[in-house]
Amino acid sequence: MPKNLSMKKVPDELIALLRERARRRHRSLQGELLATLEESLLPRRLTVAELTGRIRDLGLRTPQEATRMIREDRDGR
């Protein structure tokens, strides 16, 4: 069941930044706070583009290359 939270002593600068972000995203301040918490704390599935980028960053191009890398790592070469 959802609970209510409150925060004390939030700096004015943070409040202003959060209000502006909420305005840009057409959300209420409370909606933006909840979205920010969800983005920060809940796991998110990667998009195909994000996954492809991560694979590219690892230098994997073909299954054979992946197999070679695993074998080299396993065998300590």
Protein backbone atom coordinates (compact mmCIF):
# COMPACT_ATOMS: atom_id res chain seq x y z
CA MET A 1 0.00 0.00 0.00
CA PRO A 2 1.41 3.44 -0.91
CA LYS A 3 2.75 5.63 1.89
CA ASN A 4 3.18 9.37 2.26
CA LEU A 5 6.70 10.81 2.64
CA SER A 6 7.92 14.25 3.57
CA MET A 7 11.32 15.91 3.43
CA LYS A 8 12.68 18.71 5.56
CA LYS A 9 15.36 21.28 4.80
CA VAL A 10 15.42 20.79 1.02
CA PRO A 11 17.63 23.54 -0.46
CA ASP A 12 15.81 26.17 -2.50
CA GLU A 13 18.07 25.49 -5.48
CA LEU A 14 17.01 21.82 -5.60
CA ILE A 15 13.35 22.75 -5.36
CA ALA A 16 13.73 25.22 -8.22
CA LEU A 17 15.51 22.64 -10.38
CA LEU A 18 12.88 20.02 -9.62
CA ARG A 19 10.03 22.45 -10.40
CA GLU A 20 11.63 23.34 -13.72
CA ARG A 21 12.15 19.69 -14.61
CA ALA A 22 8.52 18.94 -13.71
CA ARG A 23 7.35 21.85 -15.87
CA ARG A 24 9.38 20.64 -18.87
CA ARG A 25 7.91 17.15 -18.50
CA HIS A 26 4.36 18.42 -17.93
CA ARG A 27 4.20 16.87 -14.46
CA SER A 28 3.27 18.08 -11.03
CA LEU A 29 6.05 18.48 -8.48
CA GLN A 30 4.83 15.33 -6.72
CA GLY A 31 4.69 13.45 -10.04
CA GLU A 32 8.24 14.49 -10.83
CA LEU A 33 9.47 13.44 -7.39
CA LEU A 34 7.89 10.00 -7.81
CA ALA A 35 9.28 9.62 -11.35
CA THR A 36 12.76 10.60 -10.11
CA LEU A 37 12.61 8.00 -7.34
CA GLU A 38 11.41 5.33 -9.75
CA GLU A 39 14.16 6.13 -12.28
CA SER A 40 16.78 6.01 -9.54
CA LEU A 41 15.66 2.93 -7.66
CA LEU A 42 13.76 0.55 -9.92
CA PRO A 43 15.55 -1.73 -12.36
CA ARG A 44 14.85 -0.91 -15.99
CA ARG A 45 14.99 -3.15 -19.03
CA LEU A 46 17.51 -2.11 -21.64
CA THR A 47 16.28 -1.13 -25.07
CA VAL A 48 17.65 -3.00 -28.08
CA ALA A 49 19.72 0.06 -28.98
CA GLU A 50 21.19 0.27 -25.45
CA LEU A 51 22.02 -3.43 -25.42
CA THR A 52 23.61 -3.22 -28.87
CA GLY A 53 25.70 -0.27 -27.68
CA ARG A 54 26.93 -2.17 -24.64
CA ILE A 55 27.85 -5.17 -26.78
CA ARG A 56 29.71 -2.89 -29.19
CA ASP A 57 31.51 -1.25 -26.25
CA LEU A 58 32.75 -4.69 -25.19
CA GLY A 59 34.19 -5.21 -28.66
CA LEU A 60 32.01 -8.22 -29.50
CA ARG A 61 31.06 -8.48 -33.15
CA THR A 62 30.35 -12.17 -33.81
CA PRO A 63 29.58 -15.25 -31.71
CA GLN A 64 33.01 -16.64 -32.66
CA GLU A 65 34.72 -13.58 -31.21
CA ALA A 66 32.72 -13.93 -28.01
CA THR A 67 33.68 -17.60 -27.77
CA ARG A 68 37.34 -16.74 -28.35
CA MET A 69 37.27 -14.06 -25.64
CA ILE A 70 35.65 -16.41 -23.13
CA ARG A 71 38.19 -19.15 -23.85
CA GLU A 72 41.11 -16.74 -23.54
CA ASP A 73 39.78 -15.47 -20.24
CA ARG A 74 39.13 -18.98 -18.96
CA ASP A 75 42.53 -20.30 -20.03
CA GLY A 76 44.38 -17.25 -18.71
CA ARG A 77 45.99 -16.22 -22.00
